[in-house]
Structure formats: structure tokens, C-alpha cells
C-alpha atoms as a PDB file:
ATOM      1  CA  MET A   1     -39.534 -55.150-123.262  1.00  0.00           C
ATOM      2  CA  THR A   2     -37.002 -52.410-123.764  1.00  0.00           C
ATOM      3  CA  ASP A   3     -34.270 -51.175-121.465  1.00  0.00           C
ATOM      4  CA  LYS A   4     -34.923 -47.574-122.508  1.00  0.00           C
ATOM      5  CA  LYS A   5     -35.789 -45.097-119.793  1.00  0.00           C
ATOM      6  CA  LEU A   6     -37.379 -41.668-119.906  1.00  0.00           C
ATOM      7  CA  VAL A   7     -35.140 -39.299-117.955  1.00  0.00           C
ATOM      8  CA  ILE A   8     -36.732 -36.058-116.747  1.00  0.00           C
ATOM      9  CA  GLU A   9     -34.782 -33.099-115.391  1.00  0.00           C
ATOM     10  CA  LYS A  10     -36.355 -31.172-112.537  1.00  0.00           C
ATOM     11  CA  GLU A  11     -37.425 -27.571-113.166  1.00  0.00           C
ATOM     12  CA  ASP A  12     -38.414 -24.599-111.094  1.00  0.00           C
ATOM     13  CA  ASN A  13     -41.597 -23.728-112.902  1.00  0.00           C
ATOM     14  CA  THR A  14     -44.107 -21.221-111.596  1.00  0.00           C
ATOM     15  CA  GLU A  15     -46.173 -21.206-114.798  1.00  0.00           C
ATOM     16  CA  LYS A  16     -49.849 -21.755-114.047  1.00  0.00           C
ATOM     17  CA  THR A  17     -51.596 -23.108-117.123  1.00  0.00           C
ATOM     18  CA  TYR A  18     -54.472 -25.537-117.223  1.00  0.00           C
ATOM     19  CA  HIS A  19     -55.390 -28.047-119.903  1.00  0.00           C
ATOM     20  CA  ILE A  20     -58.208 -30.526-119.991  1.00  0.00           C
ATOM     21  CA  PHE A  21     -57.441 -34.187-120.659  1.00  0.00           C
ATOM     22  CA  ASN A  22     -59.073 -37.496-119.852  1.00  0.00           C
ATOM     23  CA  ALA A  23     -57.209 -39.866-117.567  1.00  0.00           C
ATOM     24  CA  TYR A  24     -58.023 -42.516-115.029  1.00  0.00           C
ATOM     25  CA  SER A  25     -57.861 -41.264-111.432  1.00  0.00           C
ATOM     26  CA  GLU A  26     -54.849 -43.468-110.729  1.00  0.00           C
ATOM     27  CA  THR A  27     -52.982 -42.038-113.740  1.00  0.00           C
ATOM     28  CA  HIS A  28     -53.833 -38.474-112.735  1.00  0.00           C
ATOM     29  CA  LEU A  29     -52.515 -39.094-109.218  1.00  0.00           C
ATOM     30  CA  LYS A  30     -49.251 -40.512-110.585  1.00  0.00           C
ATOM     31  CA  LEU A  31     -48.802 -37.511-112.889  1.00  0.00           C
ATOM     32  CA  LYS A  32     -49.552 -35.131-110.028  1.00  0.00           C
ATOM     33  CA  GLN A  33     -46.891 -36.790-107.863  1.00  0.00           C
ATOM     34  CA  ILE A  34     -44.315 -36.558-110.666  1.00  0.00           C
ATOM     35  CA  LYS A  35     -45.324 -32.919-111.254  1.00  0.00           C
ATOM     36  CA  GLU A  36     -44.712 -32.108-107.588  1.00  0.00           C
ATOM     37  CA  GLU A  37     -41.355 -33.911-107.588  1.00  0.00           C
ATOM     38  CA  THR A  38     -40.028 -32.443-110.846  1.00  0.00           C
ATOM     39  CA  GLY A  39     -41.650 -29.000-111.001  1.00  0.00           C
ATOM     40  CA  LEU A  40     -42.743 -29.715-114.585  1.00  0.00           C
ATOM     41  CA  PRO A  41     -46.297 -28.807-115.596  1.00  0.00           C
ATOM     42  CA  MET A  42     -48.625 -31.730-116.297  1.00  0.00           C
ATOM     43  CA  ALA A  43     -48.971 -30.731-119.958  1.00  0.00           C
ATOM     44  CA  LYS A  44     -45.205 -31.061-120.452  1.00  0.00           C
ATOM     45  CA  LEU A  45     -45.112 -34.375-118.569  1.00  0.00           C
ATOM     46  CA  LEU A  46     -47.949 -35.730-120.704  1.00  0.00           C
ATOM     47  CA  LYS A  47     -46.111 -34.713-123.876  1.00  0.00           C
ATOM     48  CA  LEU A  48     -42.900 -36.389-122.680  1.00  0.00           C
ATOM     49  CA  PHE A  49     -44.662 -39.633-121.734  1.00  0.00           C
ATOM     50  CA  VAL A  50     -46.812 -39.801-124.871  1.00  0.00           C
ATOM     51  CA  ASP A  51     -43.891 -38.998-127.191  1.00  0.00           C
ATOM     52  CA  PHE A  52     -41.726 -41.626-125.462  1.00  0.00           C
ATOM     53  CA  GLY A  53     -44.500 -44.202-125.681  1.00  0.00           C
ATOM     54  CA  ILE A  54     -45.122 -43.561-129.367  1.00  0.00           C
ATOM     55  CA  GLU A  55     -41.419 -43.645-130.233  1.00  0.00           C
ATOM     56  CA  ASN A  56     -41.018 -46.986-128.424  1.00  0.00           C
ATOM     57  CA  LEU A  57     -44.312 -48.540-129.539  1.00  0.00           C
ATOM     58  CA  GLU A  58     -44.466 -52.059-130.914  1.00  0.00           C
ATOM     59  CA  ILE A  59     -47.800 -53.294-132.221  1.00  0.00           C
ATOM     60  CA  LYS A  60     -48.340 -57.056-132.333  1.00  0.00           C
ATOM     61  CA  GLU A  61     -51.049 -59.106-133.927  1.00  0.00           C
ATOM     62  CA  LYS A  62     -53.591 -60.594-131.547  1.00  0.00           C
ATOM     63  CA  GLN A  63     -52.815 -64.224-130.833  1.00  0.00           C
END
């Protein structure tokens, strides 16, 4: 596992945009909580998390 962390700066964002994406209910709830804490729209949070995950991805062969 890596010691890297994704650091997010809070924003005052009043932008109201909506995007459709598929997520488990638990994941959606977590994103919603982070959205409320940071002021970032969910679309931006999703981009940050997905980009971070892809950049730090390691694929291993099945054992």
C-alpha cells in the first residue's frame, strides 16, 4: 500500500449542476458527506478520486 494521500481544499461553491453516475448507495453517501464538508461538487470529487486512483493503480496477476 502507498503512503500517498489525496488532499482536497475546501471551496465555497454555489454551482448547481447535476450529472448521472452509477455508484453503490454507501459510496454515494460518502461522496455526499465529503461534498457537504468541502463545498466541492460531486462531479469534481469523482474526478479527483478517479484520477488519483488511476495514477496510483497497481494491477497484479491473480494468485
